Amino acid sequence: MKIWVDADACPVVIKDIVFQAAERTETETTLVANQPLTVPRSRFVKTLQVPAGFDVADNEIVKRVQAGDLVITSDIPLAAEVIEKEAVALSPRGELHTKENIGARLNMRDFMDTMRASGVNTGGPQAMSQRERQAFANHLDTLLARR
């Protein structure tokens, strides 16, 4: 199992949890972004910088991910694509995306996009709570323990 992080929008606190887990479990982890990233010195953590552009980082993750890998992303369409490749998708808020729930999440995302396009202010995401951080860490630990 490898960990792939959709790093452009991933909160720093979540990256720190991933770095610690990668070291502890000796799991190869790659952060993919269209900008330079700073990561701790580690033989298990690396970065992959891709050109700027719409979905370039997402497409690179989809191209490289293998069945059984773990992808950390808040991007629902990316989660759907990696699930199709039999990888696991976990959001930074600790939500595990599965074959059973990804369709409903895609529908809700599309609905919210339609609302925003019609001028409705849907607001942004709330600040990440301690409960969400803990849910993420717990799911990550469980997934790494299974490998």
N, C-alpha and C. Protein backbone atom coordinates (compact mmCIF):
# COMPACT_ATOMS: atom_id res chain seq x y z
N MET A 1 0.83 -1.18 0.00
CA MET A 1 0.00 0.00 0.00
C MET A 1 0.88 1.25 0.00
N LYS A 2 0.49 2.19 -0.85
CA LYS A 2 1.11 3.51 -0.86
C LYS A 2 0.04 4.52 -0.49
N ILE A 3 0.49 5.63 0.08
CA ILE A 3 -0.42 6.72 0.38
C ILE A 3 -0.17 7.83 -0.62
N TRP A 4 -1.24 8.35 -1.21
CA TRP A 4 -1.19 9.48 -2.13
C TRP A 4 -2.01 10.60 -1.50
N VAL A 5 -1.44 11.79 -1.42
CA VAL A 5 -2.14 12.92 -0.82
C VAL A 5 -2.38 13.98 -1.88
N ASP A 6 -3.64 14.33 -2.08
CA ASP A 6 -4.03 15.45 -2.94
C ASP A 6 -3.72 16.69 -2.11
N ALA A 7 -2.49 17.18 -2.25
CA ALA A 7 -1.91 18.08 -1.25
C ALA A 7 -2.23 19.55 -1.42
N ASP A 8 -2.72 19.99 -2.57
CA ASP A 8 -2.97 21.42 -2.76
C ASP A 8 -3.95 21.98 -1.73
N ALA A 9 -4.98 21.23 -1.38
CA ALA A 9 -5.99 21.74 -0.45
C ALA A 9 -6.01 20.98 0.88
N CYS A 10 -5.03 20.13 1.10
CA CYS A 10 -5.01 19.34 2.33
C CYS A 10 -4.52 20.19 3.50
N PRO A 11 -5.27 20.24 4.59
CA PRO A 11 -4.85 21.05 5.74
C PRO A 11 -3.51 20.57 6.32
N VAL A 12 -2.74 21.52 6.82
CA VAL A 12 -1.42 21.22 7.39
C VAL A 12 -1.53 20.20 8.52
N VAL A 13 -2.52 20.34 9.37
CA VAL A 13 -2.67 19.42 10.50
C VAL A 13 -2.86 17.98 10.01
N ILE A 14 -3.54 17.79 8.90
CA ILE A 14 -3.75 16.46 8.34
C ILE A 14 -2.45 15.94 7.72
N LYS A 15 -1.72 16.82 7.04
CA LYS A 15 -0.42 16.41 6.49
C LYS A 15 0.49 15.94 7.61
N ASP A 16 0.48 16.65 8.74
CA ASP A 16 1.33 16.25 9.87
C ASP A 16 0.96 14.88 10.40
N ILE A 17 -0.33 14.58 10.48
CA ILE A 17 -0.78 13.25 10.91
C ILE A 17 -0.30 12.20 9.92
N VAL A 18 -0.39 12.50 8.62
CA VAL A 18 0.05 11.55 7.59
C VAL A 18 1.56 11.33 7.69
N PHE A 19 2.33 12.40 7.88
CA PHE A 19 3.79 12.26 8.00
C PHE A 19 4.16 11.33 9.16
N GLN A 20 3.51 11.53 10.30
CA GLN A 20 3.80 10.70 11.47
C GLN A 20 3.44 9.24 11.22
N ALA A 21 2.29 9.03 10.59
CA ALA A 21 1.86 7.66 10.29
C ALA A 21 2.78 6.99 9.29
N ALA A 22 3.23 7.73 8.28
CA ALA A 22 4.14 7.17 7.27
C ALA A 22 5.44 6.72 7.93
N GLU A 23 5.97 7.53 8.80
CA GLU A 23 7.20 7.16 9.52
C GLU A 23 6.98 5.94 10.40
N ARG A 24 5.91 5.99 11.19
CA ARG A 24 5.63 4.93 12.16
C ARG A 24 5.43 3.58 11.47
N THR A 25 4.75 3.60 10.30
CA THR A 25 4.41 2.34 9.62
C THR A 25 5.31 2.04 8.43
N GLU A 26 6.26 2.96 8.18
CA GLU A 26 7.19 2.81 7.05
C GLU A 26 6.43 2.63 5.73
N THR A 27 5.48 3.53 5.51
CA THR A 27 4.63 3.48 4.33
C THR A 27 5.03 4.57 3.35
N GLU A 28 5.29 4.19 2.11
CA GLU A 28 5.65 5.17 1.08
C GLU A 28 4.48 6.13 0.86
N THR A 29 4.77 7.42 0.98
CA THR A 29 3.75 8.45 0.91
C THR A 29 4.20 9.53 -0.07
N THR A 30 3.31 9.91 -0.98
CA THR A 30 3.61 10.94 -1.96
C THR A 30 2.55 12.02 -1.90
N LEU A 31 3.01 13.26 -1.74
CA LEU A 31 2.12 14.42 -1.78
C LEU A 31 2.20 15.00 -3.18
N VAL A 32 1.05 15.11 -3.84
CA VAL A 32 0.98 15.60 -5.20
C VAL A 32 0.35 16.99 -5.18
N ALA A 33 1.05 17.96 -5.78
CA ALA A 33 0.57 19.34 -5.79
C ALA A 33 1.13 20.08 -6.99
N ASN A 34 0.51 21.23 -7.30
CA ASN A 34 1.02 22.02 -8.41
C ASN A 34 1.88 23.18 -7.91
N GLN A 35 2.32 23.08 -6.69
CA GLN A 35 3.23 24.07 -6.11
C GLN A 35 4.26 23.36 -5.25
N PRO A 36 5.39 23.99 -4.99
CA PRO A 36 6.40 23.34 -4.15
C PRO A 36 5.87 23.14 -2.73
N LEU A 37 6.20 22.02 -2.14
CA LEU A 37 5.77 21.70 -0.78
C LEU A 37 6.98 21.45 0.11
N THR A 38 6.82 21.76 1.37
CA THR A 38 7.85 21.45 2.35
C THR A 38 7.39 20.23 3.14
N VAL A 39 8.22 19.22 3.17
CA VAL A 39 7.90 18.01 3.93
C VAL A 39 9.10 17.66 4.80
N PRO A 40 8.87 16.90 5.86
CA PRO A 40 10.00 16.51 6.70
C PRO A 40 10.94 15.58 5.95
N ARG A 41 12.20 15.61 6.35
CA ARG A 41 13.16 14.67 5.78
C ARG A 41 12.74 13.27 6.19
N SER A 42 12.53 12.43 5.21
CA SER A 42 12.07 11.08 5.48
C SER A 42 12.32 10.24 4.25
N ARG A 43 12.67 9.01 4.47
CA ARG A 43 12.80 8.12 3.31
C ARG A 43 11.43 7.60 2.86
N PHE A 44 10.37 7.91 3.63
CA PHE A 44 9.03 7.43 3.29
C PHE A 44 8.13 8.50 2.71
N VAL A 45 8.52 9.78 2.81
CA VAL A 45 7.68 10.88 2.36
C VAL A 45 8.37 11.63 1.24
N LYS A 46 7.64 11.81 0.12
CA LYS A 46 8.19 12.58 -0.99
C LYS A 46 7.09 13.44 -1.60
N THR A 47 7.50 14.35 -2.46
CA THR A 47 6.54 15.20 -3.14
C THR A 47 6.65 14.98 -4.64
N LEU A 48 5.56 15.27 -5.30
CA LEU A 48 5.51 15.23 -6.76
C LEU A 48 4.83 16.51 -7.20
N GLN A 49 5.60 17.42 -7.80
CA GLN A 49 5.04 18.67 -8.28
C GLN A 49 4.62 18.50 -9.73
N VAL A 50 3.37 18.86 -10.01
CA VAL A 50 2.82 18.77 -11.35
C VAL A 50 2.58 20.19 -11.87
N PRO A 51 2.44 20.36 -13.18
CA PRO A 51 2.15 21.70 -13.71
C PRO A 51 0.81 22.22 -13.19
N ALA A 52 0.69 23.55 -13.14
CA ALA A 52 -0.57 24.16 -12.74
C ALA A 52 -1.62 23.86 -13.80
N GLY A 53 -2.84 23.76 -13.38
CA GLY A 53 -3.93 23.51 -14.31
C GLY A 53 -5.05 22.76 -13.65
N PHE A 54 -6.22 22.85 -14.25
CA PHE A 54 -7.42 22.22 -13.71
C PHE A 54 -7.26 20.70 -13.67
N ASP A 55 -7.36 20.11 -12.49
CA ASP A 55 -7.32 18.66 -12.26
C ASP A 55 -6.01 17.98 -12.65
N VAL A 56 -4.93 18.73 -12.82
CA VAL A 56 -3.65 18.11 -13.20
C VAL A 56 -3.16 17.18 -12.09
N ALA A 57 -3.21 17.65 -10.85
CA ALA A 57 -2.77 16.82 -9.72
C ALA A 57 -3.68 15.60 -9.59
N ASP A 58 -4.98 15.80 -9.70
CA ASP A 58 -5.93 14.69 -9.61
C ASP A 58 -5.65 13.64 -10.68
N ASN A 59 -5.44 14.09 -11.90
CA ASN A 59 -5.18 13.16 -13.00
C ASN A 59 -3.90 12.38 -12.79
N GLU A 60 -2.89 13.02 -12.20
CA GLU A 60 -1.63 12.34 -11.93
C GLU A 60 -1.81 11.26 -10.87
N ILE A 61 -2.60 11.57 -9.86
CA ILE A 61 -2.88 10.57 -8.82
C ILE A 61 -3.61 9.38 -9.44
N VAL A 62 -4.63 9.64 -10.24
CA VAL A 62 -5.40 8.56 -10.87
C VAL A 62 -4.49 7.71 -11.75
N LYS A 63 -3.58 8.35 -12.45
CA LYS A 63 -2.66 7.62 -13.33
C LYS A 63 -1.75 6.68 -12.55
N ARG A 64 -1.33 7.10 -11.36
CA ARG A 64 -0.33 6.34 -10.60
C ARG A 64 -0.91 5.40 -9.54
N VAL A 65 -2.11 5.66 -9.07
CA VAL A 65 -2.67 4.86 -7.97
C VAL A 65 -2.90 3.42 -8.41
N GLN A 66 -2.69 2.52 -7.48
CA GLN A 66 -2.90 1.09 -7.72
C GLN A 66 -3.97 0.57 -6.76
N ALA A 67 -4.57 -0.56 -7.10
CA ALA A 67 -5.54 -1.19 -6.21
C ALA A 67 -4.90 -1.39 -4.84
N GLY A 68 -5.65 -1.04 -3.80
CA GLY A 68 -5.16 -1.20 -2.44
C GLY A 68 -4.44 0.02 -1.88
N ASP A 69 -4.09 0.98 -2.74
CA ASP A 69 -3.46 2.21 -2.26
C ASP A 69 -4.51 3.06 -1.53
N LEU A 70 -4.01 4.04 -0.80
CA LEU A 70 -4.86 4.97 -0.07
C LEU A 70 -4.66 6.37 -0.63
N VAL A 71 -5.76 7.06 -0.93
CA VAL A 71 -5.70 8.43 -1.42
C VAL A 71 -6.41 9.33 -0.41
N ILE A 72 -5.69 10.36 0.04
CA ILE A 72 -6.26 11.35 0.95
C ILE A 72 -6.70 12.53 0.09
N THR A 73 -8.02 12.78 0.05
CA THR A 73 -8.54 13.87 -0.79
C THR A 73 -9.90 14.32 -0.31
N SER A 74 -10.16 15.61 -0.50
CA SER A 74 -11.50 16.13 -0.24
C SER A 74 -12.26 16.28 -1.57
N ASP A 75 -11.64 15.91 -2.66
CA ASP A 75 -12.21 16.04 -4.00
C ASP A 75 -13.06 14.80 -4.30
N ILE A 76 -14.37 14.98 -4.33
CA ILE A 76 -15.29 13.85 -4.52
C ILE A 76 -15.10 13.15 -5.88
N PRO A 77 -14.98 13.88 -7.00
CA PRO A 77 -14.75 13.19 -8.27
C PRO A 77 -13.44 12.38 -8.27
N LEU A 78 -12.39 12.91 -7.65
CA LEU A 78 -11.14 12.15 -7.55
C LEU A 78 -11.37 10.89 -6.71
N ALA A 79 -12.08 11.02 -5.61
CA ALA A 79 -12.37 9.85 -4.77
C ALA A 79 -13.11 8.79 -5.58
N ALA A 80 -14.07 9.22 -6.40
CA ALA A 80 -14.82 8.26 -7.22
C ALA A 80 -13.90 7.53 -8.20
N GLU A 81 -12.97 8.26 -8.79
CA GLU A 81 -12.06 7.63 -9.75
C GLU A 81 -11.12 6.63 -9.08
N VAL A 82 -10.62 6.95 -7.90
CA VAL A 82 -9.70 6.01 -7.26
C VAL A 82 -10.44 4.79 -6.72
N ILE A 83 -11.70 4.99 -6.32
CA ILE A 83 -12.51 3.84 -5.90
C ILE A 83 -12.72 2.90 -7.08
N GLU A 84 -12.93 3.45 -8.28
CA GLU A 84 -13.07 2.62 -9.47
C GLU A 84 -11.83 1.78 -9.72
N LYS A 85 -10.66 2.29 -9.31
CA LYS A 85 -9.40 1.55 -9.47
C LYS A 85 -9.11 0.65 -8.27
N GLU A 86 -10.13 0.49 -7.40
CA GLU A 86 -10.05 -0.36 -6.22
C GLU A 86 -9.03 0.11 -5.20
N ALA A 87 -8.83 1.42 -5.17
CA ALA A 87 -8.04 2.04 -4.11
C ALA A 87 -9.02 2.56 -3.06
N VAL A 88 -8.48 3.04 -1.95
CA VAL A 88 -9.28 3.55 -0.85
C VAL A 88 -9.17 5.07 -0.84
N ALA A 89 -10.30 5.75 -0.60
CA ALA A 89 -10.30 7.21 -0.55
C ALA A 89 -10.79 7.66 0.83
N LEU A 90 -9.99 8.52 1.46
CA LEU A 90 -10.30 9.05 2.79
C LEU A 90 -10.22 10.56 2.73
N SER A 91 -11.24 11.24 3.23
CA SER A 91 -11.22 12.70 3.23
C SER A 91 -10.42 13.19 4.44
N PRO A 92 -9.87 14.39 4.35
CA PRO A 92 -9.16 14.96 5.50
C PRO A 92 -10.06 15.14 6.73
N ARG A 93 -11.36 15.11 6.55
CA ARG A 93 -12.29 15.22 7.68
C ARG A 93 -12.65 13.86 8.27
N GLY A 94 -12.00 12.81 7.78
CA GLY A 94 -12.19 11.48 8.34
C GLY A 94 -13.33 10.69 7.74
N GLU A 95 -13.87 11.14 6.59
CA GLU A 95 -14.95 10.43 5.93
C GLU A 95 -14.35 9.41 4.95
N LEU A 96 -14.70 8.17 5.14
CA LEU A 96 -14.25 7.12 4.24
C LEU A 96 -15.21 7.05 3.06
N HIS A 97 -14.69 7.25 1.85
CA HIS A 97 -15.51 7.15 0.65
C HIS A 97 -15.50 5.69 0.20
N THR A 98 -16.67 5.18 -0.13
CA THR A 98 -16.80 3.77 -0.52
C THR A 98 -17.65 3.65 -1.78
N LYS A 99 -17.67 2.45 -2.35
CA LYS A 99 -18.53 2.20 -3.51
C LYS A 99 -19.99 2.46 -3.14
N GLU A 100 -20.34 2.21 -1.89
CA GLU A 100 -21.72 2.36 -1.45
C GLU A 100 -22.15 3.81 -1.26
N ASN A 101 -21.22 4.71 -0.90
CA ASN A 101 -21.65 6.07 -0.61
C ASN A 101 -21.16 7.13 -1.61
N ILE A 102 -20.28 6.77 -2.51
CA ILE A 102 -19.70 7.78 -3.40
C ILE A 102 -20.72 8.36 -4.38
N GLY A 103 -21.68 7.56 -4.83
CA GLY A 103 -22.71 8.07 -5.74
C GLY A 103 -23.53 9.19 -5.12
N ALA A 104 -23.95 9.00 -3.88
CA ALA A 104 -24.73 10.03 -3.19
C ALA A 104 -23.88 11.28 -2.96
N ARG A 105 -22.62 11.11 -2.67
CA ARG A 105 -21.74 12.26 -2.45
C ARG A 105 -21.49 13.02 -3.75
N LEU A 106 -21.37 12.30 -4.85
CA LEU A 106 -21.24 12.97 -6.16
C LEU A 106 -22.50 13.75 -6.50
N ASN A 107 -23.67 13.16 -6.22
CA ASN A 107 -24.93 13.85 -6.49
C ASN A 107 -25.05 15.13 -5.66
N MET A 108 -24.67 15.06 -4.39
CA MET A 108 -24.75 16.25 -3.52
C MET A 108 -23.77 17.31 -3.99
N ARG A 109 -22.58 16.91 -4.39
CA ARG A 109 -21.59 17.86 -4.90
C ARG A 109 -22.14 18.56 -6.14
N ASP A 110 -22.71 17.79 -7.06
CA ASP A 110 -23.26 18.37 -8.29
C ASP A 110 -24.42 19.32 -7.97
N PHE A 111 -25.25 18.94 -7.02
CA PHE A 111 -26.36 19.80 -6.61
C PHE A 111 -25.84 21.12 -6.06
N MET A 112 -24.83 21.08 -5.20
CA MET A 112 -24.26 22.29 -4.61
C MET A 112 -23.61 23.15 -5.69
N ASP A 113 -22.95 22.53 -6.67
CA ASP A 113 -22.37 23.28 -7.79
C ASP A 113 -23.47 24.01 -8.57
N THR A 114 -24.59 23.35 -8.79
CA THR A 114 -25.71 23.95 -9.49
C THR A 114 -26.26 25.14 -8.69
N MET A 115 -26.37 24.97 -7.39
CA MET A 115 -26.86 26.05 -6.53
C MET A 115 -25.93 27.26 -6.61
N ARG A 116 -24.64 27.03 -6.51
CA ARG A 116 -23.67 28.13 -6.58
C ARG A 116 -23.72 28.81 -7.94
N ALA A 117 -23.86 28.02 -9.01
CA ALA A 117 -23.90 28.57 -10.36
C ALA A 117 -25.15 29.44 -10.57
N SER A 118 -26.20 29.16 -9.83
CA SER A 118 -27.42 29.95 -9.96
C SER A 118 -27.43 31.16 -9.02
N GLY A 119 -26.31 31.38 -8.32
CA GLY A 119 -26.18 32.57 -7.49
C GLY A 119 -26.46 32.38 -6.01
N VAL A 120 -26.79 31.18 -5.59
CA VAL A 120 -27.05 30.93 -4.18
C VAL A 120 -25.71 30.85 -3.44
N ASN A 121 -25.61 31.60 -2.35
CA ASN A 121 -24.40 31.55 -1.53
C ASN A 121 -24.52 30.36 -0.60
N THR A 122 -23.75 29.31 -0.87
CA THR A 122 -23.81 28.10 -0.06
C THR A 122 -22.79 28.11 1.07
N GLY A 123 -21.95 29.16 1.13
CA GLY A 123 -20.93 29.22 2.18
C GLY A 123 -19.83 28.22 1.92
N GLY A 124 -18.76 28.38 2.62
CA GLY A 124 -17.64 27.45 2.48
C GLY A 124 -17.68 26.40 3.56
N PRO A 125 -16.72 25.52 3.56
CA PRO A 125 -16.68 24.50 4.60
C PRO A 125 -16.36 25.12 5.96
N GLN A 126 -16.89 24.51 7.00
CA GLN A 126 -16.59 24.97 8.35
C GLN A 126 -15.15 24.61 8.70
N ALA A 127 -14.61 25.29 9.70
CA ALA A 127 -13.27 24.97 10.18
C ALA A 127 -13.25 23.51 10.65
N MET A 128 -12.10 22.88 10.46
CA MET A 128 -11.98 21.48 10.85
C MET A 128 -12.01 21.36 12.37
N SER A 129 -12.83 20.47 12.86
CA SER A 129 -12.97 20.28 14.30
C SER A 129 -11.98 19.24 14.81
N GLN A 130 -11.80 19.24 16.11
CA GLN A 130 -10.95 18.23 16.74
C GLN A 130 -11.53 16.84 16.51
N ARG A 131 -12.85 16.73 16.51
CA ARG A 131 -13.50 15.43 16.27
C ARG A 131 -13.17 14.92 14.86
N GLU A 132 -13.16 15.82 13.87
CA GLU A 132 -12.83 15.42 12.50
C GLU A 132 -11.37 15.01 12.39
N ARG A 133 -10.49 15.73 13.03
CA ARG A 133 -9.06 15.36 13.04
C ARG A 133 -8.89 13.97 13.64
N GLN A 134 -9.58 13.72 14.74
CA GLN A 134 -9.49 12.42 15.39
C GLN A 134 -10.07 11.32 14.51
N ALA A 135 -11.18 11.60 13.85
CA ALA A 135 -11.79 10.62 12.94
C ALA A 135 -10.82 10.28 11.82
N PHE A 136 -10.15 11.31 11.28
CA PHE A 136 -9.17 11.06 10.23
C PHE A 136 -8.04 10.17 10.75
N ALA A 137 -7.47 10.55 11.88
CA ALA A 137 -6.35 9.77 12.45
C ALA A 137 -6.77 8.33 12.73
N ASN A 138 -7.97 8.14 13.26
CA ASN A 138 -8.44 6.78 13.56
C ASN A 138 -8.62 5.96 12.29
N HIS A 139 -9.25 6.54 11.26
CA HIS A 139 -9.42 5.82 9.99
C HIS A 139 -8.06 5.50 9.37
N LEU A 140 -7.15 6.45 9.40
CA LEU A 140 -5.83 6.22 8.84
C LEU A 140 -5.13 5.08 9.55
N ASP A 141 -5.15 5.10 10.87
CA ASP A 141 -4.52 4.02 11.64
C ASP A 141 -5.14 2.67 11.32
N THR A 142 -6.46 2.62 11.22
CA THR A 142 -7.15 1.36 10.92
C THR A 142 -6.75 0.85 9.53
N LEU A 143 -6.74 1.75 8.54
CA LEU A 143 -6.39 1.33 7.19
C LEU A 143 -4.94 0.86 7.10
N LEU A 144 -4.03 1.52 7.79
CA LEU A 144 -2.63 1.11 7.76
C LEU A 144 -2.40 -0.18 8.52
N ALA A 145 -3.18 -0.42 9.55
CA ALA A 145 -3.05 -1.67 10.32
C ALA A 145 -3.51 -2.88 9.50
N ARG A 146 -4.47 -2.66 8.58
CA ARG A 146 -5.00 -3.75 7.76
C ARG A 146 -4.02 -4.23 6.69
N ARG A 147 -3.07 -3.41 6.30
CA ARG A 147 -2.24 -3.77 5.15
C ARG A 147 -1.30 -4.90 5.41
